[in-house]
Amino acid sequence: MASVAKSRCPVCNVERVEKFRPFCSKRCAELDLGRWFTGSYAIPTEEIPDEFDIGMGDRNRDDEPF
């Protein structure tokens, strides 16, 4: 029978614990959450301009006369 590889904690690479899955401890779970809060992690996206931005170029709304 083939042995099953144990999952590792994504923060410290220690074998994970089921209670804190996918982490090995509460500390690593909180460190990971803190990284999301501080912006260390980010999901890449492609910015799509809104209809207001289209055709405005470098003009700013404040440049328009009243």
Protein backbone atom coordinates (compact mmCIF):
# COMPACT_ATOMS: atom_id res chain seq x y z
CA MET A 1 0.00 0.00 0.00
CA ALA A 2 1.33 3.45 -0.94
CA SER A 3 1.82 5.95 1.85
CA VAL A 4 -0.22 9.14 1.71
CA ALA A 5 1.78 12.36 1.94
CA LYS A 6 0.68 14.58 4.81
CA SER A 7 -0.30 18.16 4.00
CA ARG A 8 1.94 20.93 5.19
CA CYS A 9 1.11 24.27 6.79
CA PRO A 10 1.29 27.03 4.13
CA VAL A 11 2.91 29.42 6.63
CA CYS A 12 5.69 27.38 8.27
CA ASN A 13 5.67 24.11 6.29
CA VAL A 14 5.15 21.96 9.41
CA GLU A 15 2.73 19.03 9.15
CA ARG A 16 -0.79 20.41 9.50
CA VAL A 17 -3.19 19.62 12.34
CA GLU A 18 -6.80 18.77 11.50
CA LYS A 19 -8.17 21.18 14.13
CA PHE A 20 -6.50 24.18 12.42
CA ARG A 21 -6.70 22.91 8.83
CA PRO A 22 -4.98 23.92 6.57
CA PHE A 23 -2.58 25.30 9.21
CA CYS A 24 -0.57 23.61 11.95
CA SER A 25 -1.65 25.95 14.76
CA LYS A 26 -3.85 28.88 15.68
CA ARG A 27 -0.75 31.10 15.52
CA CYS A 28 -0.12 30.26 11.85
CA ALA A 29 -3.82 30.75 11.03
CA GLU A 30 -3.73 34.21 12.64
CA LEU A 31 -0.46 35.12 10.90
CA ASP A 32 -2.04 34.22 7.56
CA LEU A 33 -5.16 36.28 8.33
CA GLY A 34 -2.97 39.22 9.33
CA ARG A 35 -1.17 39.01 5.99
CA TRP A 36 -4.51 39.34 4.18
CA PHE A 37 -5.48 42.32 6.35
CA THR A 38 -2.21 44.17 5.74
CA GLY A 39 -2.27 43.56 2.01
CA SER A 40 0.69 41.18 1.91
CA TYR A 41 -1.51 38.85 -0.09
CA ALA A 42 -3.51 40.13 -3.02
CA ILE A 43 -5.65 38.56 -5.69
CA PRO A 44 -4.49 39.85 -9.07
CA THR A 45 -7.23 41.41 -11.17
CA GLU A 46 -7.45 43.34 -14.38
CA GLU A 47 -8.94 46.76 -13.78
CA ILE A 48 -11.88 47.52 -16.07
CA PRO A 49 -12.57 51.24 -16.46
CA ASP A 50 -16.09 52.42 -15.59
CA GLU A 51 -18.19 54.28 -18.11
CA PHE A 52 -17.15 57.63 -16.55
CA ASP A 53 -13.45 56.91 -17.13
CA ILE A 54 -13.93 55.97 -20.79
CA GLY A 55 -13.17 58.94 -23.02
CA MET A 56 -12.04 61.20 -20.17
CA GLY A 57 -8.34 60.54 -20.71
CA ASP A 58 -6.30 62.63 -18.30
CA ARG A 59 -9.06 65.16 -17.71
CA ASN A 60 -10.31 65.61 -14.22
CA ARG A 61 -13.88 66.62 -13.31
CA ASP A 62 -12.47 69.70 -11.55
CA ASP A 63 -11.09 70.97 -14.89
CA GLU A 64 -14.57 71.51 -16.33
CA PRO A 65 -16.01 75.06 -16.09
CA PHE A 66 -19.33 75.54 -14.34
